[in-house]
N, C-alpha and C. Protein backbone atom coordinates (compact mmCIF):
# COMPACT_ATOMS: atom_id res chain seq x y z
N MET A 1 93.92 152.01 -110.32
CA MET A 1 93.71 150.70 -109.82
C MET A 1 92.65 149.71 -109.89
N ARG A 2 91.53 151.39 -110.18
CA ARG A 2 90.25 150.65 -110.01
C ARG A 2 89.84 149.78 -111.10
N ALA A 3 90.51 149.81 -112.38
CA ALA A 3 90.84 148.96 -113.45
C ALA A 3 90.89 147.45 -112.80
N ALA A 4 92.13 147.21 -112.06
CA ALA A 4 92.67 146.15 -112.02
C ALA A 4 91.97 145.40 -110.35
N GLU A 5 91.10 145.88 -110.32
CA GLU A 5 89.67 145.60 -109.79
C GLU A 5 89.20 144.01 -109.98
N ILE A 6 89.07 144.49 -111.38
CA ILE A 6 88.49 143.75 -111.77
C ILE A 6 89.31 142.36 -112.46
N LEU A 7 90.38 142.19 -112.79
CA LEU A 7 91.02 140.53 -111.80
C LEU A 7 90.35 139.94 -111.29
N PHE A 8 90.42 140.01 -109.72
CA PHE A 8 90.29 139.81 -108.56
C PHE A 8 88.34 139.46 -107.28
N ARG A 9 87.95 141.06 -108.59
CA ARG A 9 86.61 140.95 -108.05
C ARG A 9 85.51 140.88 -109.69
N SER A 10 84.09 140.13 -108.95
CA SER A 10 83.38 139.59 -109.92
C SER A 10 82.61 141.05 -110.02
N GLN A 11 82.92 141.41 -111.60
CA GLN A 11 82.27 142.63 -111.85
C GLN A 11 80.42 143.04 -112.14
N SER A 12 79.36 143.15 -112.26
CA SER A 12 77.95 143.16 -112.15
C SER A 12 77.90 144.48 -113.30
N VAL A 13 77.15 144.24 -114.19
CA VAL A 13 77.13 144.80 -115.95
C VAL A 13 75.98 146.16 -116.19
N THR A 14 76.03 147.07 -116.21
CA THR A 14 75.27 147.50 -116.45
C THR A 14 75.08 148.38 -117.40
N LEU A 15 74.45 148.54 -118.51
CA LEU A 15 74.42 148.43 -119.98
C LEU A 15 73.66 149.64 -120.71
N THR A 16 74.28 150.62 -120.58
CA THR A 16 73.36 152.48 -120.48
C THR A 16 73.97 153.85 -122.09
N GLU A 17 73.18 153.45 -122.97
CA GLU A 17 73.42 154.35 -123.63
C GLU A 17 74.53 154.41 -124.22
N GLY A 18 75.02 153.50 -124.88
CA GLY A 18 76.42 152.84 -125.01
C GLY A 18 77.50 152.53 -123.70
N ARG A 19 77.25 153.23 -123.09
CA ARG A 19 78.13 152.85 -121.74
C ARG A 19 77.96 151.23 -120.87
N ILE A 20 79.38 151.69 -120.74
CA ILE A 20 79.35 149.72 -119.84
C ILE A 20 79.70 149.48 -118.95
N MET A 21 79.16 150.17 -117.70
CA MET A 21 79.39 150.23 -116.34
C MET A 21 79.69 148.75 -115.39
N LEU A 22 81.25 148.88 -115.08
CA LEU A 22 81.46 147.69 -114.67
C LEU A 22 81.12 148.19 -112.78
N ALA A 23 80.05 147.64 -111.73
CA ALA A 23 80.57 147.78 -110.52
C ALA A 23 80.58 146.29 -109.69
N ASP A 24 81.31 146.77 -108.70
CA ASP A 24 81.46 145.12 -108.21
C ASP A 24 80.57 144.29 -107.45
N GLN A 25 80.37 143.07 -107.82
CA GLN A 25 79.10 142.15 -107.94
C GLN A 25 78.78 142.82 -106.17
N SER A 26 79.45 142.06 -105.71
CA SER A 26 79.19 141.72 -104.13
C SER A 26 78.61 143.17 -103.33
N VAL A 27 79.14 144.50 -103.99
CA VAL A 27 78.82 145.79 -103.62
C VAL A 27 77.47 145.97 -103.62
N VAL A 28 76.73 146.04 -105.02
CA VAL A 28 75.67 145.69 -105.63
C VAL A 28 75.07 144.46 -105.22
N GLU A 29 75.50 143.72 -105.35
CA GLU A 29 74.90 142.76 -104.53
C GLU A 29 73.44 142.86 -102.88
N MET A 30 74.91 143.44 -102.24
CA MET A 30 74.26 144.15 -100.50
C MET A 30 72.85 145.82 -101.06
N GLN A 31 73.27 146.25 -102.86
CA GLN A 31 72.15 147.07 -102.80
C GLN A 31 71.03 146.65 -103.58
N VAL A 32 70.74 145.69 -104.10
CA VAL A 32 70.41 144.88 -105.45
C VAL A 32 69.20 145.51 -105.55
N SER A 33 68.60 146.36 -106.01
CA SER A 33 66.54 146.72 -106.44
C SER A 33 67.30 147.40 -107.69
N ASN A 34 65.78 147.98 -108.01
CA ASN A 34 65.87 148.81 -109.21
C ASN A 34 67.12 149.15 -110.00
N GLN A 35 67.98 149.22 -111.16
CA GLN A 35 69.40 149.58 -111.20
C GLN A 35 69.08 150.51 -112.29
N ASN A 36 69.09 151.83 -112.11
CA ASN A 36 69.33 152.92 -113.13
C ASN A 36 70.43 153.97 -113.38
N LEU A 37 70.92 154.70 -114.62
CA LEU A 37 71.94 155.02 -114.45
C LEU A 37 71.07 155.99 -114.75
N THR A 38 72.33 157.35 -113.91
CA THR A 38 71.45 158.63 -113.96
C THR A 38 73.06 159.85 -113.48
N GLY A 39 73.07 160.32 -115.14
CA GLY A 39 74.50 161.22 -114.99
C GLY A 39 75.97 160.38 -114.21
N ASN A 40 76.99 160.12 -113.96
CA ASN A 40 77.60 159.48 -113.49
C ASN A 40 77.38 159.06 -112.17
N LYS A 41 75.99 158.76 -111.85
CA LYS A 41 75.61 158.13 -110.52
C LYS A 41 74.91 156.73 -111.10
N LEU A 42 75.29 155.17 -110.97
CA LEU A 42 75.28 154.18 -111.00
C LEU A 42 73.94 153.71 -109.56
N ARG A 43 72.29 153.83 -110.19
CA ARG A 43 72.06 153.66 -108.94
C ARG A 43 71.74 152.26 -108.52
N THR A 44 71.42 152.23 -106.88
CA THR A 44 71.25 150.81 -106.46
C THR A 44 70.32 150.69 -105.74
N GLY A 45 69.43 150.02 -105.61
CA GLY A 45 68.20 150.60 -104.41
C GLY A 45 68.22 151.94 -103.49
N GLU A 46 68.63 152.49 -102.32
CA GLU A 46 68.40 153.78 -101.86
C GLU A 46 70.28 154.32 -102.10
N THR A 47 71.28 154.22 -102.07
CA THR A 47 72.50 153.86 -102.62
C THR A 47 72.75 153.92 -103.96
N GLN A 48 74.10 154.78 -104.07
CA GLN A 48 74.84 155.11 -105.35
C GLN A 48 76.04 154.57 -105.41
N ILE A 49 76.43 153.87 -106.48
CA ILE A 49 78.06 153.92 -106.81
C ILE A 49 77.91 154.80 -107.66
N ASP A 50 79.25 155.38 -106.80
CA ASP A 50 79.86 156.91 -107.90
C ASP A 50 80.53 155.94 -108.79
N VAL A 51 80.27 156.48 -110.09
CA VAL A 51 81.39 156.50 -111.69
C VAL A 51 82.74 156.88 -112.27
N LEU A 52 83.45 156.00 -111.78
CA LEU A 52 85.01 157.35 -112.00
C LEU A 52 85.14 157.72 -113.18
N THR A 53 85.74 158.60 -113.38
CA THR A 53 86.05 159.17 -114.45
C THR A 53 86.74 160.32 -114.07
N ARG A 54 87.31 161.24 -115.62
CA ARG A 54 88.28 161.85 -114.95
C ARG A 54 88.44 163.11 -113.92
N ASP A 55 87.74 163.97 -113.97
CA ASP A 55 86.67 164.62 -113.47
C ASP A 55 87.37 163.80 -111.94
N ASN A 56 86.63 162.87 -111.55
CA ASN A 56 86.51 162.59 -109.90
C ASN A 56 87.91 161.72 -109.56
N GLN A 57 88.48 161.25 -110.44
CA GLN A 57 89.58 159.85 -110.69
C GLN A 57 90.13 160.08 -109.05
N ASP A 58 90.31 161.01 -108.27
CA ASP A 58 91.23 161.44 -107.26
C ASP A 58 89.95 160.68 -105.77
N GLU A 59 89.00 161.06 -106.18
CA GLU A 59 87.71 160.42 -105.17
C GLU A 59 88.25 158.98 -104.73
N TYR A 60 88.80 158.44 -106.26
CA TYR A 60 89.03 156.56 -105.85
C TYR A 60 89.90 156.39 -104.82
N TRP A 61 90.60 156.70 -104.39
CA TRP A 61 92.09 156.63 -103.53
C TRP A 61 91.45 156.37 -101.83
N GLU A 62 90.58 157.24 -101.61
CA GLU A 62 89.80 157.08 -100.24
C GLU A 62 89.21 156.45 -100.19
N ARG A 63 88.47 155.90 -101.18
CA ARG A 63 87.35 154.35 -101.01
C ARG A 63 87.60 153.20 -101.47
N SER A 64 89.05 152.99 -102.33
CA SER A 64 89.34 151.99 -102.58
C SER A 64 89.06 150.04 -101.97
N ASP A 65 89.50 150.14 -100.46
CA ASP A 65 89.01 149.56 -100.12
C ASP A 65 87.47 148.76 -99.91
N ASN A 66 86.26 150.24 -100.01
CA ASN A 66 85.13 149.72 -100.25
C ASN A 66 84.32 148.84 -101.77
N PHE A 67 85.07 149.64 -102.70
CA PHE A 67 84.38 148.57 -104.08
C PHE A 67 83.58 149.24 -104.60
N ASP A 68 83.26 150.21 -104.11
CA ASP A 68 82.40 151.19 -103.98
C ASP A 68 81.89 152.14 -105.52
N THR A 69 83.11 152.15 -106.33
CA THR A 69 82.80 152.89 -107.32
C THR A 69 82.44 151.56 -108.30
N ALA A 70 81.88 152.69 -109.76
CA ALA A 70 81.94 151.84 -110.60
C ALA A 70 83.12 152.55 -112.27
N ILE A 71 83.21 151.72 -113.16
CA ILE A 71 84.08 152.27 -113.90
C ILE A 71 83.33 151.97 -115.68
N ASP A 72 83.83 152.23 -116.43
CA ASP A 72 83.41 152.75 -117.72
C ASP A 72 84.14 151.47 -118.67
N VAL A 73 83.73 150.50 -119.19
CA VAL A 73 85.21 150.43 -119.88
C VAL A 73 84.62 150.21 -121.53
N ALA A 74 83.60 150.85 -121.62
CA ALA A 74 83.61 150.71 -123.05
C ALA A 74 84.07 151.90 -123.54
N PHE A 75 83.88 151.25 -125.55
CA PHE A 75 85.86 151.31 -126.88
C PHE A 75 85.78 152.90 -126.24
N THR A 76 86.62 153.60 -126.22
CA THR A 76 86.81 154.76 -126.42
C THR A 76 87.32 155.77 -124.69
N MET A 77 86.54 155.37 -123.82
CA MET A 77 86.18 155.32 -122.15
C MET A 77 87.52 155.11 -122.02
N PRO A 78 87.66 155.87 -120.76
CA PRO A 78 89.66 155.66 -120.38
C PRO A 78 89.60 154.62 -119.48
N GLY A 79 88.74 154.33 -118.36
CA GLY A 79 88.75 152.76 -117.79
C GLY A 79 89.34 151.57 -119.32
N ASN A 80 88.61 152.04 -120.32
CA ASN A 80 88.71 150.35 -121.47
C ASN A 80 90.62 150.99 -121.72
N ASP A 81 90.92 151.43 -121.31
CA ASP A 81 92.68 151.79 -121.95
C ASP A 81 92.89 151.57 -120.38
N ALA A 82 92.75 151.80 -119.92
CA ALA A 82 93.04 151.51 -118.28
C ALA A 82 92.82 149.89 -118.15
N LEU A 83 92.53 149.25 -118.75
CA LEU A 83 91.95 147.63 -118.55
C LEU A 83 93.26 147.29 -119.38
N ALA A 84 93.97 148.01 -120.75
CA ALA A 84 94.54 147.44 -121.44
C ALA A 84 95.74 147.75 -120.91
N ARG A 85 95.85 148.69 -120.21
CA ARG A 85 97.46 148.88 -119.16
C ARG A 85 97.29 148.07 -118.29
N VAL A 86 96.46 147.68 -116.99
CA VAL A 86 96.10 146.26 -116.02
C VAL A 86 97.22 145.46 -117.36
N PHE A 87 96.89 145.00 -118.40
CA PHE A 87 96.80 143.57 -119.13
C PHE A 87 98.26 143.82 -119.29
N GLU A 88 98.88 144.99 -119.69
CA GLU A 88 100.28 145.07 -120.09
C GLU A 88 101.04 145.03 -119.26
N LYS A 89 100.56 145.63 -117.75
CA LYS A 89 102.10 144.87 -116.69
C LYS A 89 101.15 143.73 -116.24
N TRP A 90 100.70 143.22 -116.08
CA TRP A 90 100.17 142.20 -115.60
C TRP A 90 100.71 140.96 -116.18
N VAL A 91 100.84 140.81 -117.85
CA VAL A 91 101.88 139.96 -118.78
C VAL A 91 103.75 140.33 -118.35
N LYS A 92 103.92 142.02 -118.17
CA LYS A 92 104.93 141.78 -117.97
C LYS A 92 105.48 141.29 -116.94
N HIS A 93 105.06 141.57 -115.91
CA HIS A 93 105.05 141.19 -114.05
C HIS A 93 105.27 139.69 -113.90
N PHE A 94 104.62 139.03 -114.92
CA PHE A 94 104.75 137.46 -114.53
C PHE A 94 105.79 136.84 -115.35
N VAL A 95 105.81 137.21 -116.71
CA VAL A 95 105.87 136.64 -117.98
C VAL A 95 107.27 137.40 -118.32
N GLY A 96 107.84 138.99 -117.65
CA GLY A 96 108.96 139.68 -117.94
C GLY A 96 108.75 140.14 -120.05
N LEU A 97 107.49 140.14 -120.71
CA LEU A 97 107.03 139.87 -121.75
C LEU A 97 106.51 141.52 -121.60
N ASP A 98 107.67 142.69 -122.16
CA ASP A 98 106.93 143.42 -122.65
C ASP A 98 105.80 143.93 -124.64
N VAL A 99 104.86 143.73 -123.94
CA VAL A 99 103.35 143.97 -125.23
C VAL A 99 102.55 145.51 -124.60
N SER A 100 101.87 145.39 -126.46
CA SER A 100 101.30 146.65 -126.41
C SER A 100 100.38 146.14 -126.31
N ILE A 101 99.20 147.13 -125.94
CA ILE A 101 97.25 146.22 -125.60
C ILE A 101 96.95 147.70 -125.98
N THR A 102 96.61 147.10 -127.19
CA THR A 102 95.53 148.38 -127.96
C THR A 102 93.80 148.09 -127.69
N PRO A 103 93.76 148.34 -127.30
CA PRO A 103 91.77 148.46 -127.34
C PRO A 103 91.09 148.37 -128.79
N LEU A 104 90.42 147.41 -129.03
CA LEU A 104 89.47 147.30 -130.35
C LEU A 104 87.88 147.11 -130.16
N ARG A 105 87.31 147.92 -131.64
CA ARG A 105 85.52 147.44 -131.70
C ARG A 105 85.33 146.50 -132.35
N LYS A 106 86.61 146.29 -133.28
CA LYS A 106 85.87 144.69 -133.64
C LYS A 106 87.53 143.65 -134.30
N ILE A 107 87.23 142.50 -134.34
CA ILE A 107 88.28 141.73 -135.32
C ILE A 107 87.96 142.39 -136.09
N GLU A 108 89.14 142.93 -137.10
CA GLU A 108 89.09 142.66 -138.96
C GLU A 108 90.50 142.71 -139.14
N ASP A 109 90.20 140.63 -139.60
CA ASP A 109 91.68 140.63 -139.85
C ASP A 109 92.16 138.17 -140.16
N ASP A 110 92.29 139.18 -142.10
CA ASP A 110 92.42 137.85 -142.76
C ASP A 110 93.01 136.39 -142.19
N HIS A 111 94.10 137.11 -141.15
CA HIS A 111 95.02 136.39 -140.85
C HIS A 111 95.30 135.52 -139.97
N TRP A 112 93.69 135.85 -138.91
CA TRP A 112 94.00 135.75 -137.36
C TRP A 112 94.27 134.70 -137.14
N SER A 113 94.90 134.23 -136.21
CA SER A 113 96.09 133.39 -135.83
C SER A 113 95.82 132.70 -134.52
N TRP A 114 95.70 133.70 -133.09
CA TRP A 114 95.71 133.49 -131.94
C TRP A 114 94.31 134.58 -131.05
N HIS A 115 93.58 134.24 -130.07
CA HIS A 115 93.20 134.65 -129.62
C HIS A 115 93.60 134.20 -128.01
N ILE A 116 92.45 134.86 -126.74
CA ILE A 116 92.69 134.83 -125.48
C ILE A 116 91.66 134.97 -124.95
N GLY A 117 90.63 133.97 -124.59
CA GLY A 117 89.29 134.43 -123.91
C GLY A 117 89.65 134.99 -122.52
N LEU A 118 89.47 135.61 -121.64
CA LEU A 118 89.88 136.48 -120.57
C LEU A 118 88.53 136.07 -119.33
N ASP A 119 87.82 135.14 -119.90
CA ASP A 119 86.85 134.47 -119.23
C ASP A 119 86.00 133.58 -120.13
N LYS A 120 85.57 132.15 -119.39
CA LYS A 120 84.58 131.65 -119.79
C LYS A 120 84.19 131.19 -121.40
N ASP A 121 82.73 132.46 -120.92
CA ASP A 121 82.04 132.57 -121.97
C ASP A 121 82.71 133.58 -123.40
N SER A 122 84.25 134.21 -122.67
CA SER A 122 84.92 134.56 -123.90
C SER A 122 85.41 134.09 -124.28
N SER A 123 86.88 132.74 -124.42
CA SER A 123 86.72 131.95 -124.48
C SER A 123 86.13 130.92 -126.14
N ALA A 124 84.82 130.97 -125.46
CA ALA A 124 83.84 129.90 -126.05
C ALA A 124 83.13 130.12 -127.76
N ILE A 125 83.22 132.17 -126.79
CA ILE A 125 82.18 133.27 -128.02
C ILE A 125 83.94 133.32 -129.07
N LEU A 126 85.30 133.54 -128.48
CA LEU A 126 86.49 133.41 -129.81
C LEU A 126 87.06 132.22 -130.25
N ASP A 127 86.43 130.86 -129.52
CA ASP A 127 86.89 130.09 -130.63
C ASP A 127 85.68 129.54 -132.10
N ASP A 128 84.24 129.46 -131.87
CA ASP A 128 83.22 129.65 -133.03
C ASP A 128 83.13 130.77 -133.58
N LEU A 129 83.55 132.25 -132.97
CA LEU A 129 83.94 133.22 -134.59
C LEU A 129 85.82 132.75 -135.32
N TYR A 130 86.12 132.64 -134.42
CA TYR A 130 87.34 132.08 -135.29
C TYR A 130 87.27 130.63 -135.95
N ASN A 131 85.96 129.68 -135.70
CA ASN A 131 86.22 128.54 -136.69
C ASN A 131 84.69 128.52 -137.42
N GLY A 132 84.64 129.81 -137.49
CA GLY A 132 83.42 130.18 -138.42
C GLY A 132 81.87 130.20 -138.41
N LYS A 133 81.73 129.95 -136.70
CA LYS A 133 80.15 129.60 -136.95
C LYS A 133 79.43 130.15 -136.06
N ASN A 134 78.44 130.06 -137.02
CA ASN A 134 77.09 131.39 -136.69
C ASN A 134 76.79 131.21 -135.27
N ILE A 135 76.82 133.19 -134.57
CA ILE A 135 77.17 133.45 -133.07
C ILE A 135 75.32 133.95 -133.41
N SER A 136 74.82 133.87 -132.44
CA SER A 136 73.78 134.74 -132.48
C SER A 136 73.94 136.26 -132.13
N PRO A 137 72.90 137.05 -132.38
CA PRO A 137 73.84 138.41 -131.58
C PRO A 137 73.26 138.46 -130.46
N GLU A 138 72.68 138.34 -129.37
CA GLU A 138 72.95 137.67 -128.55
C GLU A 138 73.87 137.64 -127.49
N ARG A 139 74.46 136.03 -128.26
CA ARG A 139 75.37 136.17 -127.68
C ARG A 139 76.96 137.06 -128.06
N LEU A 140 76.45 137.43 -129.36
CA LEU A 140 77.82 138.46 -129.71
C LEU A 140 78.05 139.33 -128.89
N ALA A 141 76.58 139.85 -128.02
CA ALA A 141 76.68 141.00 -127.24
C ALA A 141 77.37 141.11 -126.23
N GLN A 142 77.19 139.84 -125.72
CA GLN A 142 78.35 139.63 -124.13
C GLN A 142 79.57 139.97 -124.23
N ILE A 143 80.31 140.28 -125.42
CA ILE A 143 81.96 140.99 -125.68
C ILE A 143 81.37 141.86 -125.39
N LEU A 144 82.07 142.71 -124.36
CA LEU A 144 82.18 143.88 -123.34
C LEU A 144 83.72 144.63 -124.13
N CYS A 145 84.42 144.46 -124.29
CA CYS A 145 85.75 144.56 -124.76
C CYS A 145 86.72 143.42 -125.65
N LEU A 146 87.35 144.39 -126.56
CA LEU A 146 88.63 143.08 -127.55
C LEU A 146 89.28 145.03 -127.54
N PHE A 147 90.46 143.43 -127.97
CA PHE A 147 92.21 143.90 -127.22
C PHE A 147 92.95 143.57 -128.70
N LYS A 148 93.67 144.06 -128.71
CA LYS A 148 94.69 143.64 -130.17
C LYS A 148 96.55 143.32 -128.85
N MET A 149 96.69 142.51 -128.55
CA MET A 149 98.07 142.62 -128.30
C MET A 149 99.56 142.01 -129.00
N GLU A 150 100.61 143.55 -129.13
CA GLU A 150 101.76 142.78 -129.76
C GLU A 150 103.21 143.07 -129.34
N ALA A 151 103.85 142.22 -129.52
CA ALA A 151 105.02 142.73 -128.89
C ALA A 151 106.39 141.98 -130.07
N ASN A 152 107.01 142.75 -129.81
CA ASN A 152 108.20 142.58 -130.82
C ASN A 152 109.14 141.58 -131.02
N SER A 153 108.79 140.70 -129.23
CA SER A 153 109.63 139.45 -129.63
C SER A 153 109.25 138.88 -128.04
N GLY A 154 109.66 137.22 -127.89
CA GLY A 154 109.34 137.05 -127.26
C GLY A 154 107.68 135.91 -127.53
N PHE A 155 106.92 135.73 -128.47
CA PHE A 155 105.90 134.93 -128.78
C PHE A 155 106.67 133.69 -130.12
N SER A 156 106.09 132.54 -129.61
CA SER A 156 106.31 131.76 -131.08
C SER A 156 106.94 131.98 -132.15
N GLU A 157 107.21 131.70 -132.90
CA GLU A 157 108.48 131.37 -133.92
C GLU A 157 106.72 131.30 -135.24
N GLU A 158 106.10 130.89 -134.77
CA GLU A 158 104.99 130.91 -135.92
C GLU A 158 103.94 132.02 -135.70
N MET A 159 103.90 132.54 -134.36
CA MET A 159 103.60 134.01 -134.43
C MET A 159 104.44 135.44 -133.71
N ALA A 160 105.29 135.27 -134.24
CA ALA A 160 106.41 136.68 -134.38
C ALA A 160 105.75 137.12 -135.09
N GLY A 161 105.90 138.42 -134.79
CA GLY A 161 105.29 139.52 -135.47
C GLY A 161 103.39 139.89 -135.63
N LYS A 162 102.96 138.78 -135.27
CA LYS A 162 101.28 138.46 -135.33
C LYS A 162 101.14 139.12 -134.17
N PRO A 163 99.12 139.32 -134.38
CA PRO A 163 98.63 139.87 -133.04
C PRO A 163 97.90 138.82 -132.13
N ILE A 164 97.79 139.24 -130.86
CA ILE A 164 96.66 137.78 -129.93
C ILE A 164 95.27 138.69 -129.61
N TYR A 165 94.20 138.55 -129.93
CA TYR A 165 93.31 138.88 -129.80
C TYR A 165 92.96 138.67 -128.08
N LEU A 166 92.41 139.59 -127.74
CA LEU A 166 91.47 139.39 -126.08
C LEU A 166 90.34 139.78 -126.04
N ALA A 167 89.43 138.90 -125.30
CA ALA A 167 88.39 139.66 -125.23
C ALA A 167 87.43 139.64 -124.01
N LEU A 168 86.58 140.68 -123.40
CA LEU A 168 86.38 140.53 -121.86
C LEU A 168 84.56 139.89 -122.20
N SER A 169 84.04 139.47 -121.76
CA SER A 169 82.83 139.25 -121.82
C SER A 169 82.01 139.12 -120.77
N MET A 170 80.68 139.26 -120.49
CA MET A 170 79.88 139.08 -119.42
C MET A 170 79.39 137.89 -119.42
N ASN A 171 78.60 137.36 -118.33
CA ASN A 171 78.11 135.60 -118.44
C ASN A 171 77.10 135.82 -119.05
N ASN A 172 75.72 135.07 -118.98
CA ASN A 172 74.48 135.31 -118.90
C ASN A 172 73.79 135.98 -118.30
N ASN A 173 74.03 135.33 -116.71
CA ASN A 173 73.51 136.15 -115.66
C ASN A 173 74.29 138.09 -115.32
N GLY A 174 74.91 138.71 -115.92
CA GLY A 174 75.15 140.47 -116.87
C GLY A 174 76.69 140.77 -115.59
N VAL A 175 77.69 139.09 -115.38
CA VAL A 175 78.24 139.42 -114.38
C VAL A 175 80.07 139.10 -115.09
N VAL A 176 80.77 139.86 -114.72
CA VAL A 176 82.22 139.43 -115.66
C VAL A 176 82.57 138.76 -114.59
N GLN A 177 83.42 137.10 -115.19
CA GLN A 177 84.39 137.01 -113.61
C GLN A 177 85.67 136.99 -115.18
N LEU A 178 86.85 137.57 -114.51
CA LEU A 178 87.46 137.35 -115.63
C LEU A 178 88.15 136.42 -114.76
N LYS A 179 89.27 135.91 -115.38
CA LYS A 179 90.49 135.17 -114.97
C LYS A 179 91.71 135.00 -115.81
N PRO A 180 92.12 136.19 -114.95
CA PRO A 180 93.44 136.88 -115.46
C PRO A 180 94.56 135.57 -115.65
N GLN A 181 95.12 134.41 -114.88
CA GLN A 181 95.49 133.74 -115.23
C GLN A 181 96.04 132.68 -116.89
N ASN A 182 94.48 132.98 -117.18
CA ASN A 182 94.05 133.38 -118.83
C ASN A 182 95.42 133.53 -119.65
N LEU A 183 94.96 134.85 -119.33
CA LEU A 183 96.36 135.96 -119.30
C LEU A 183 97.68 135.62 -120.15
N LEU A 184 98.30 134.33 -118.82
CA LEU A 184 99.53 134.22 -118.75
C LEU A 184 99.31 132.41 -119.53
N VAL A 185 98.53 132.07 -119.17
CA VAL A 185 98.62 129.99 -119.63
C VAL A 185 98.99 130.38 -120.87
N ASN A 186 97.94 130.90 -121.80
CA ASN A 186 97.06 131.28 -123.22
C ASN A 186 98.80 132.00 -124.05
N LEU A 187 99.46 132.08 -123.54
CA LEU A 187 100.49 133.65 -124.19
C LEU A 187 101.16 132.30 -125.31
N PRO A 188 100.78 132.70 -126.42
CA PRO A 188 102.39 131.41 -127.06
C PRO A 188 103.37 132.48 -127.20
N LEU A 189 104.49 131.58 -126.08
CA LEU A 189 105.40 131.84 -126.29
C LEU A 189 106.36 131.33 -126.27
N SER A 190 107.53 131.94 -126.52
CA SER A 190 109.11 130.95 -127.10
C SER A 190 109.52 130.33 -126.44
N GLU A 191 110.12 129.13 -126.98
CA GLU A 191 110.60 128.09 -125.22
C GLU A 191 111.83 128.90 -125.24
N ALA A 192 112.58 130.09 -126.25
CA ALA A 192 113.96 130.74 -125.33
C ALA A 192 112.83 131.72 -124.59
């Protein structure tokens, strides 16, 4: 459920020690001050934002309406996998298509045919990568999560059996503004 919040609430990003911490931007703005990560707490000013882990995940339900927990979406972390499951359910609910979405570290595909940026920055970065343009390391570092989407049926004939790559990025201000509609309107669906 915490991963699903990313679809409808802007998230502030904190990158530290290989972690990609997303915290609700509105909550962070209320607590704005020196940010640093200590253990499983994201400190913001005088208050703390708890980072959800497998050990404390049940605490989420008591506070879900406060939007005051953070999630780590780094590759191999449960938050990254949870986000993939949310995307699968999103596509199933609105399009009726069963898809499998797998987190990736990087795209290695000589036959890359389709991609969807889940936000404005991801769309531009993936377009440039696809078209072979040089991208600065700083711009490339905006990408926080990569995914591979596959489906046994439902894609257009030219995409049958091919993966679709997805990316989620932060903007230049360190904020994630996911556009969940991108995941639906940019799918290469068959006319059937």
